[in-house]
Amino acid sequence: MLRMGALALCLCAIPLATPALADTIANPVAAFSGLDKITGRITTFDVYVNETVQFGALQITPRACYTRPPTETQRTSVFVEVDQVSLRGTVERVFTGWMFADSPALNAIDHAVYDIWLMDCKQQSDVPPPDQPAAAPDTPVPAEPPAEGQPDDRG
């Protein structure tokens, strides 16, 4: 009977001994790098989740971008859809799946001309979100036209 009680106590303590994993952090921006194999040019670009951007003949649409808290082993992953646009304008899905920043070759996009890999997931970007138009920083705001009968001194 005493052994049963000790065994039950040990079994109850097992869940307390395992470290608790924190929830993953959902990020609104995925940061990618892309290589054009013909020109040798590497481009880095940010894409908002559920936004589609064009890189060469490829259209990249991240659907989810996750990181872990800084207190845990870092794991950055994105679920992405990649389509290829032909010269005739037809679109063909060439990749759907998870990409991992720490293992770019694990689920890489196998394309003859372009390589794309995940760099990071971010909470914000210098690129404006797709629902907000970009405003040029030095563009003056046009003044309202003068009221009828007022002189027009706008130049």
N, C-alpha and C. Protein backbone atom coordinates (compact mmCIF):
# COMPACT_ATOMS: atom_id res chain seq x y z
N MET A 1 0.82 -1.19 0.00
CA MET A 1 0.00 0.00 0.00
C MET A 1 0.87 1.26 0.00
N LEU A 2 1.94 1.20 0.78
CA LEU A 2 2.85 2.34 0.84
C LEU A 2 3.53 2.55 -0.52
N ARG A 3 3.85 1.45 -1.18
CA ARG A 3 4.48 1.56 -2.50
C ARG A 3 3.51 2.19 -3.50
N MET A 4 2.26 1.85 -3.44
CA MET A 4 1.27 2.42 -4.35
C MET A 4 1.17 3.93 -4.15
N GLY A 5 1.19 4.37 -2.91
CA GLY A 5 1.11 5.81 -2.61
C GLY A 5 2.34 6.54 -3.13
N ALA A 6 3.52 5.93 -2.97
CA ALA A 6 4.75 6.55 -3.47
C ALA A 6 4.75 6.60 -4.99
N LEU A 7 4.27 5.53 -5.62
CA LEU A 7 4.19 5.51 -7.07
C LEU A 7 3.23 6.58 -7.59
N ALA A 8 2.10 6.72 -6.94
CA ALA A 8 1.13 7.74 -7.34
C ALA A 8 1.72 9.13 -7.16
N LEU A 9 2.47 9.33 -6.08
CA LEU A 9 3.09 10.63 -5.85
C LEU A 9 4.13 10.94 -6.93
N CYS A 10 4.92 9.91 -7.30
CA CYS A 10 5.92 10.11 -8.36
C CYS A 10 5.26 10.41 -9.70
N LEU A 11 4.18 9.70 -10.02
CA LEU A 11 3.49 9.93 -11.29
C LEU A 11 2.86 11.30 -11.35
N CYS A 12 2.41 11.80 -10.22
CA CYS A 12 1.80 13.14 -10.19
C CYS A 12 2.87 14.22 -10.35
N ALA A 13 4.09 13.95 -9.93
CA ALA A 13 5.15 14.95 -9.99
C ALA A 13 5.79 15.03 -11.37
N ILE A 14 5.59 14.03 -12.22
CA ILE A 14 6.22 14.03 -13.55
C ILE A 14 5.80 15.24 -14.38
N PRO A 15 4.53 15.60 -14.46
CA PRO A 15 4.19 16.78 -15.27
C PRO A 15 4.81 18.06 -14.72
N LEU A 16 5.07 18.12 -13.43
CA LEU A 16 5.67 19.32 -12.85
C LEU A 16 7.15 19.43 -13.21
N ALA A 17 7.80 18.31 -13.49
CA ALA A 17 9.22 18.31 -13.78
C ALA A 17 9.52 18.70 -15.22
N THR A 18 8.56 18.57 -16.13
CA THR A 18 8.81 18.93 -17.53
C THR A 18 8.65 20.43 -17.70
N PRO A 19 9.54 21.05 -18.48
CA PRO A 19 9.43 22.49 -18.65
C PRO A 19 8.19 22.86 -19.45
N ALA A 20 7.57 23.94 -19.07
CA ALA A 20 6.38 24.41 -19.78
C ALA A 20 6.82 25.19 -21.01
N LEU A 21 6.26 24.87 -22.15
CA LEU A 21 6.58 25.59 -23.37
C LEU A 21 5.61 26.74 -23.56
N ALA A 22 6.15 27.88 -23.85
CA ALA A 22 5.31 29.05 -24.08
C ALA A 22 4.68 28.95 -25.46
N ASP A 23 3.61 29.67 -25.63
CA ASP A 23 2.94 29.70 -26.92
C ASP A 23 3.82 30.37 -27.96
N THR A 24 3.63 29.98 -29.19
CA THR A 24 4.35 30.65 -30.27
C THR A 24 3.77 32.05 -30.46
N ILE A 25 4.57 32.90 -31.05
CA ILE A 25 4.16 34.29 -31.29
C ILE A 25 3.81 34.42 -32.77
N ALA A 26 2.59 34.83 -33.04
CA ALA A 26 2.16 35.07 -34.42
C ALA A 26 2.62 36.46 -34.83
N ASN A 27 3.28 36.54 -35.97
CA ASN A 27 3.82 37.81 -36.47
C ASN A 27 3.12 38.19 -37.77
N PRO A 28 2.91 39.49 -37.99
CA PRO A 28 2.22 39.91 -39.21
C PRO A 28 3.12 40.05 -40.43
N VAL A 29 4.45 39.96 -40.26
CA VAL A 29 5.37 40.20 -41.37
C VAL A 29 6.38 39.06 -41.46
N ALA A 30 6.59 38.57 -42.67
CA ALA A 30 7.63 37.57 -42.94
C ALA A 30 8.72 38.24 -43.76
N ALA A 31 9.98 38.05 -43.35
CA ALA A 31 11.12 38.62 -44.06
C ALA A 31 11.79 37.50 -44.86
N PHE A 32 11.88 37.68 -46.16
CA PHE A 32 12.46 36.68 -47.06
C PHE A 32 13.71 37.24 -47.72
N SER A 33 14.52 36.33 -48.21
CA SER A 33 15.60 36.66 -49.15
C SER A 33 15.37 35.83 -50.39
N GLY A 34 15.69 36.42 -51.52
CA GLY A 34 15.52 35.72 -52.78
C GLY A 34 16.76 35.87 -53.64
N LEU A 35 17.12 34.81 -54.33
CA LEU A 35 18.27 34.80 -55.22
C LEU A 35 17.78 34.60 -56.64
N ASP A 36 18.17 35.52 -57.52
CA ASP A 36 17.96 35.34 -58.94
C ASP A 36 19.23 34.65 -59.45
N LYS A 37 19.14 33.40 -59.84
CA LYS A 37 20.32 32.61 -60.21
C LYS A 37 20.95 33.09 -61.52
N ILE A 38 20.21 33.79 -62.35
CA ILE A 38 20.75 34.27 -63.61
C ILE A 38 21.63 35.50 -63.40
N THR A 39 21.14 36.45 -62.61
CA THR A 39 21.91 37.68 -62.37
C THR A 39 22.82 37.56 -61.14
N GLY A 40 22.54 36.60 -60.27
CA GLY A 40 23.31 36.46 -59.04
C GLY A 40 22.92 37.48 -57.99
N ARG A 41 21.83 38.19 -58.19
CA ARG A 41 21.40 39.24 -57.27
C ARG A 41 20.54 38.64 -56.15
N ILE A 42 20.88 39.01 -54.91
CA ILE A 42 20.10 38.61 -53.74
C ILE A 42 19.29 39.82 -53.29
N THR A 43 18.01 39.61 -53.07
CA THR A 43 17.10 40.66 -52.65
C THR A 43 16.43 40.24 -51.36
N THR A 44 16.35 41.14 -50.40
CA THR A 44 15.58 40.88 -49.18
C THR A 44 14.30 41.69 -49.27
N PHE A 45 13.21 41.09 -48.81
CA PHE A 45 11.92 41.77 -48.89
C PHE A 45 10.99 41.28 -47.79
N ASP A 46 10.14 42.19 -47.33
CA ASP A 46 9.14 41.89 -46.31
C ASP A 46 7.80 41.68 -46.97
N VAL A 47 7.05 40.71 -46.44
CA VAL A 47 5.72 40.42 -46.96
C VAL A 47 4.79 40.28 -45.77
N TYR A 48 3.67 40.97 -45.80
CA TYR A 48 2.67 40.83 -44.75
C TYR A 48 1.92 39.51 -44.94
N VAL A 49 1.49 38.92 -43.84
CA VAL A 49 0.73 37.68 -43.88
C VAL A 49 -0.54 37.92 -44.71
N ASN A 50 -0.84 37.00 -45.60
CA ASN A 50 -1.97 37.04 -46.52
C ASN A 50 -1.84 38.09 -47.62
N GLU A 51 -0.66 38.66 -47.78
CA GLU A 51 -0.38 39.56 -48.90
C GLU A 51 0.45 38.77 -49.92
N THR A 52 0.27 39.06 -51.19
CA THR A 52 1.03 38.41 -52.24
C THR A 52 1.98 39.41 -52.87
N VAL A 53 3.26 39.02 -52.97
CA VAL A 53 4.25 39.86 -53.64
C VAL A 53 4.88 39.06 -54.78
N GLN A 54 5.38 39.77 -55.74
CA GLN A 54 6.01 39.16 -56.91
C GLN A 54 7.52 39.24 -56.76
N PHE A 55 8.20 38.12 -56.95
CA PHE A 55 9.66 38.07 -57.01
C PHE A 55 10.00 37.33 -58.30
N GLY A 56 10.41 38.08 -59.31
CA GLY A 56 10.63 37.49 -60.62
C GLY A 56 9.32 36.93 -61.14
N ALA A 57 9.33 35.66 -61.50
CA ALA A 57 8.12 35.00 -62.01
C ALA A 57 7.33 34.33 -60.89
N LEU A 58 7.76 34.50 -59.64
CA LEU A 58 7.11 33.84 -58.51
C LEU A 58 6.26 34.82 -57.72
N GLN A 59 5.12 34.34 -57.25
CA GLN A 59 4.27 35.10 -56.34
C GLN A 59 4.30 34.39 -54.99
N ILE A 60 4.67 35.14 -53.95
CA ILE A 60 4.83 34.58 -52.61
C ILE A 60 3.73 35.11 -51.71
N THR A 61 3.02 34.19 -51.03
CA THR A 61 1.95 34.56 -50.12
C THR A 61 2.14 33.82 -48.80
N PRO A 62 2.66 34.49 -47.77
CA PRO A 62 2.75 33.83 -46.46
C PRO A 62 1.37 33.80 -45.81
N ARG A 63 1.04 32.69 -45.20
CA ARG A 63 -0.26 32.54 -44.53
C ARG A 63 -0.13 32.60 -43.01
N ALA A 64 1.04 32.29 -42.48
CA ALA A 64 1.29 32.36 -41.04
C ALA A 64 2.79 32.48 -40.83
N CYS A 65 3.20 33.25 -39.82
CA CYS A 65 4.62 33.45 -39.53
C CYS A 65 4.79 33.42 -38.02
N TYR A 66 5.51 32.42 -37.52
CA TYR A 66 5.61 32.20 -36.07
C TYR A 66 7.05 32.25 -35.59
N THR A 67 7.22 32.81 -34.40
CA THR A 67 8.48 32.75 -33.67
C THR A 67 8.16 32.28 -32.25
N ARG A 68 9.21 32.05 -31.49
CA ARG A 68 9.05 31.70 -30.08
C ARG A 68 9.57 32.84 -29.23
N PRO A 69 9.17 32.87 -27.96
CA PRO A 69 9.66 33.93 -27.07
C PRO A 69 11.18 33.89 -26.96
N PRO A 70 11.82 35.02 -26.64
CA PRO A 70 13.28 35.07 -26.55
C PRO A 70 13.87 34.14 -25.49
N THR A 71 13.06 33.71 -24.54
CA THR A 71 13.55 32.83 -23.47
C THR A 71 13.66 31.38 -23.92
N GLU A 72 13.15 31.06 -25.10
CA GLU A 72 13.18 29.68 -25.59
C GLU A 72 14.13 29.55 -26.78
N THR A 73 14.42 28.32 -27.15
CA THR A 73 15.20 28.07 -28.35
C THR A 73 14.45 28.65 -29.53
N GLN A 74 15.14 29.46 -30.31
CA GLN A 74 14.47 30.14 -31.41
C GLN A 74 14.08 29.17 -32.51
N ARG A 75 12.88 29.35 -32.97
CA ARG A 75 12.35 28.57 -34.10
C ARG A 75 11.44 29.51 -34.86
N THR A 76 11.86 29.92 -36.03
CA THR A 76 11.09 30.83 -36.86
C THR A 76 10.57 30.04 -38.06
N SER A 77 9.25 30.07 -38.24
CA SER A 77 8.65 29.29 -39.33
C SER A 77 7.55 30.08 -40.01
N VAL A 78 7.34 29.77 -41.27
CA VAL A 78 6.30 30.42 -42.05
C VAL A 78 5.60 29.37 -42.89
N PHE A 79 4.29 29.47 -42.98
CA PHE A 79 3.54 28.66 -43.92
C PHE A 79 3.31 29.54 -45.13
N VAL A 80 3.78 29.08 -46.29
CA VAL A 80 3.79 29.93 -47.46
C VAL A 80 3.27 29.18 -48.69
N GLU A 81 2.65 29.95 -49.57
CA GLU A 81 2.22 29.44 -50.88
C GLU A 81 3.00 30.20 -51.94
N VAL A 82 3.55 29.47 -52.89
CA VAL A 82 4.33 30.10 -53.96
C VAL A 82 3.77 29.64 -55.29
N ASP A 83 3.45 30.61 -56.14
CA ASP A 83 2.92 30.35 -57.47
C ASP A 83 3.90 30.88 -58.51
N GLN A 84 3.92 30.22 -59.65
CA GLN A 84 4.74 30.68 -60.77
C GLN A 84 3.82 31.21 -61.85
N VAL A 85 4.14 32.40 -62.35
CA VAL A 85 3.38 33.01 -63.43
C VAL A 85 4.14 32.80 -64.73
N SER A 86 3.49 32.20 -65.70
CA SER A 86 4.14 31.92 -66.98
C SER A 86 4.10 33.17 -67.86
N LEU A 87 4.80 33.12 -68.97
CA LEU A 87 4.78 34.23 -69.92
C LEU A 87 3.40 34.43 -70.54
N ARG A 88 2.59 33.38 -70.53
CA ARG A 88 1.22 33.47 -71.05
C ARG A 88 0.24 33.98 -70.01
N GLY A 89 0.70 34.17 -68.78
CA GLY A 89 -0.15 34.69 -67.73
C GLY A 89 -0.83 33.63 -66.89
N THR A 90 -0.58 32.36 -67.16
CA THR A 90 -1.16 31.30 -66.35
C THR A 90 -0.39 31.18 -65.04
N VAL A 91 -1.09 30.77 -64.00
CA VAL A 91 -0.49 30.66 -62.67
C VAL A 91 -0.52 29.20 -62.24
N GLU A 92 0.64 28.71 -61.77
CA GLU A 92 0.74 27.33 -61.32
C GLU A 92 1.38 27.31 -59.93
N ARG A 93 0.77 26.59 -59.01
CA ARG A 93 1.31 26.47 -57.65
C ARG A 93 2.54 25.58 -57.70
N VAL A 94 3.69 26.10 -57.20
CA VAL A 94 4.92 25.33 -57.21
C VAL A 94 5.36 24.92 -55.81
N PHE A 95 4.77 25.54 -54.79
CA PHE A 95 5.14 25.17 -53.42
C PHE A 95 4.03 25.58 -52.46
N THR A 96 3.71 24.70 -51.54
CA THR A 96 2.84 25.00 -50.41
C THR A 96 3.41 24.25 -49.23
N GLY A 97 3.72 24.97 -48.16
CA GLY A 97 4.25 24.27 -46.99
C GLY A 97 4.97 25.19 -46.04
N TRP A 98 5.61 24.57 -45.06
CA TRP A 98 6.33 25.29 -44.02
C TRP A 98 7.78 25.50 -44.45
N MET A 99 8.30 26.68 -44.14
CA MET A 99 9.71 26.98 -44.31
C MET A 99 10.25 27.38 -42.94
N PHE A 100 11.50 27.03 -42.67
CA PHE A 100 12.11 27.29 -41.37
C PHE A 100 13.38 28.12 -41.56
N ALA A 101 13.49 29.21 -40.80
CA ALA A 101 14.64 30.10 -40.95
C ALA A 101 15.93 29.40 -40.55
N ASP A 102 15.87 28.52 -39.56
CA ASP A 102 17.09 27.86 -39.11
C ASP A 102 17.48 26.67 -39.97
N SER A 103 16.62 26.24 -40.88
CA SER A 103 16.92 25.14 -41.81
C SER A 103 16.37 25.48 -43.19
N PRO A 104 17.00 26.43 -43.90
CA PRO A 104 16.42 26.87 -45.17
C PRO A 104 16.35 25.79 -46.23
N ALA A 105 17.19 24.78 -46.15
CA ALA A 105 17.16 23.73 -47.17
C ALA A 105 16.14 22.64 -46.87
N LEU A 106 15.55 22.66 -45.67
CA LEU A 106 14.60 21.62 -45.29
C LEU A 106 13.40 21.60 -46.22
N ASN A 107 12.75 22.72 -46.40
CA ASN A 107 11.63 22.84 -47.33
C ASN A 107 11.89 24.03 -48.23
N ALA A 108 12.82 23.89 -49.11
CA ALA A 108 13.17 24.98 -50.01
C ALA A 108 12.31 24.93 -51.26
N ILE A 109 12.21 26.06 -51.91
CA ILE A 109 11.47 26.13 -53.16
C ILE A 109 12.41 25.66 -54.26
N ASP A 110 12.02 24.62 -54.94
CA ASP A 110 12.84 24.04 -55.99
C ASP A 110 12.46 24.67 -57.32
N HIS A 111 13.17 25.71 -57.72
CA HIS A 111 12.88 26.42 -58.95
C HIS A 111 14.17 26.58 -59.73
N ALA A 112 14.08 26.56 -61.04
CA ALA A 112 15.27 26.61 -61.90
C ALA A 112 15.97 27.97 -61.86
N VAL A 113 15.20 29.05 -61.65
CA VAL A 113 15.79 30.39 -61.73
C VAL A 113 15.88 31.08 -60.38
N TYR A 114 14.96 30.79 -59.46
CA TYR A 114 14.88 31.55 -58.21
C TYR A 114 14.99 30.64 -56.98
N ASP A 115 15.70 31.13 -55.97
CA ASP A 115 15.69 30.52 -54.65
C ASP A 115 15.09 31.55 -53.69
N ILE A 116 14.23 31.09 -52.80
CA ILE A 116 13.63 31.96 -51.79
C ILE A 116 13.75 31.25 -50.46
N TRP A 117 14.14 31.99 -49.43
CA TRP A 117 14.22 31.39 -48.11
C TRP A 117 13.77 32.41 -47.06
N LEU A 118 13.28 31.89 -45.95
CA LEU A 118 12.79 32.70 -44.83
C LEU A 118 13.97 33.20 -44.01
N MET A 119 13.97 34.48 -43.71
CA MET A 119 15.00 35.07 -42.86
C MET A 119 14.50 35.24 -41.43
N ASP A 120 13.27 35.77 -41.29
CA ASP A 120 12.76 36.09 -39.96
C ASP A 120 11.27 36.38 -40.04
N CYS A 121 10.64 36.42 -38.90
CA CYS A 121 9.27 36.92 -38.75
C CYS A 121 9.35 38.16 -37.88
N LYS A 122 8.56 39.17 -38.21
CA LYS A 122 8.66 40.45 -37.52
C LYS A 122 7.27 40.97 -37.15
N GLN A 123 7.26 41.83 -36.15
CA GLN A 123 6.03 42.48 -35.72
C GLN A 123 5.71 43.71 -36.57
N GLN A 124 6.74 44.33 -37.17
CA GLN A 124 6.51 45.51 -37.99
C GLN A 124 7.54 45.58 -39.10
N SER A 125 7.26 46.44 -40.07
CA SER A 125 8.13 46.57 -41.23
C SER A 125 8.18 48.02 -41.67
N ASP A 126 9.24 48.36 -42.39
CA ASP A 126 9.31 49.69 -43.01
C ASP A 126 8.35 49.80 -44.19
N VAL A 127 7.94 48.66 -44.71
CA VAL A 127 7.00 48.61 -45.82
C VAL A 127 5.60 48.83 -45.25
N PRO A 128 4.81 49.75 -45.81
CA PRO A 128 3.46 49.97 -45.27
C PRO A 128 2.58 48.75 -45.53
N PRO A 129 1.64 48.49 -44.61
CA PRO A 129 0.71 47.37 -44.81
C PRO A 129 -0.07 47.55 -46.10
N PRO A 130 -0.57 46.45 -46.66
CA PRO A 130 -1.26 46.54 -47.96
C PRO A 130 -2.51 47.39 -47.94
N ASP A 131 -3.15 47.58 -46.80
CA ASP A 131 -4.38 48.37 -46.77
C ASP A 131 -4.12 49.85 -46.56
N GLN A 132 -2.85 50.25 -46.37
CA GLN A 132 -2.51 51.66 -46.19
C GLN A 132 -1.64 52.09 -47.36
N PRO A 133 -2.08 53.08 -48.15
CA PRO A 133 -1.26 53.51 -49.28
C PRO A 133 0.01 54.19 -48.79
N ALA A 134 1.07 54.00 -49.54
CA ALA A 134 2.35 54.61 -49.20
C ALA A 134 2.29 56.09 -49.55
N ALA A 135 2.74 56.94 -48.62
CA ALA A 135 2.79 58.38 -48.86
C ALA A 135 4.24 58.79 -48.99
N ALA A 136 4.54 59.55 -50.01
CA ALA A 136 5.90 60.05 -50.19
C ALA A 136 6.18 61.05 -49.07
N PRO A 137 7.34 60.97 -48.40
CA PRO A 137 7.59 61.82 -47.24
C PRO A 137 7.71 63.29 -47.57
N ASP A 138 8.20 63.67 -48.76
CA ASP A 138 8.40 65.08 -49.08
C ASP A 138 7.31 65.65 -49.96
N THR A 139 6.24 64.92 -50.16
CA THR A 139 5.17 65.40 -51.01
C THR A 139 4.29 66.35 -50.21
N PRO A 140 4.18 67.61 -50.64
CA PRO A 140 3.31 68.54 -49.90
C PRO A 140 1.85 68.18 -50.09
N VAL A 141 1.07 68.46 -49.07
CA VAL A 141 -0.36 68.21 -49.14
C VAL A 141 -0.98 69.34 -49.96
N PRO A 142 -1.74 69.00 -51.00
CA PRO A 142 -2.32 70.08 -51.81
C PRO A 142 -3.30 70.90 -50.98
N ALA A 143 -3.21 72.21 -51.16
CA ALA A 143 -4.12 73.10 -50.44
C ALA A 143 -5.49 73.03 -51.08
N GLU A 144 -6.48 73.32 -50.26
CA GLU A 144 -7.84 73.35 -50.80
C GLU A 144 -7.97 74.55 -51.73
N PRO A 145 -8.75 74.42 -52.78
CA PRO A 145 -8.92 75.57 -53.66
C PRO A 145 -9.60 76.71 -52.90
N PRO A 146 -9.29 77.95 -53.28
CA PRO A 146 -9.90 79.07 -52.57
C PRO A 146 -11.41 79.10 -52.78
N ALA A 147 -12.08 79.64 -51.79
CA ALA A 147 -13.53 79.77 -51.89
C ALA A 147 -13.85 80.71 -53.05
N GLU A 148 -15.05 80.54 -53.55
CA GLU A 148 -15.46 81.36 -54.69
C GLU A 148 -15.38 82.83 -54.32
N GLY A 149 -14.75 83.63 -55.19
CA GLY A 149 -14.63 85.06 -54.94
C GLY A 149 -13.34 85.41 -54.24
N GLN A 150 -12.56 84.44 -53.73
CA GLN A 150 -11.29 84.71 -53.06
C GLN A 150 -10.17 84.65 -54.08
N PRO A 151 -9.11 85.45 -53.90
CA PRO A 151 -7.99 85.40 -54.85
C PRO A 151 -7.23 84.07 -54.71
N ASP A 152 -6.73 83.56 -55.84
CA ASP A 152 -5.98 82.32 -55.85
C ASP A 152 -4.48 82.66 -55.82
N ASP A 153 -3.86 82.49 -54.64
CA ASP A 153 -2.44 82.83 -54.51
C ASP A 153 -1.57 81.57 -54.33
N ARG A 154 -2.08 80.44 -54.84
CA ARG A 154 -1.31 79.19 -54.68
C ARG A 154 -0.15 79.13 -55.65
N GLY A 155 -0.07 80.00 -56.60
CA GLY A 155 1.07 80.01 -57.52
C GLY A 155 0.65 79.55 -58.81
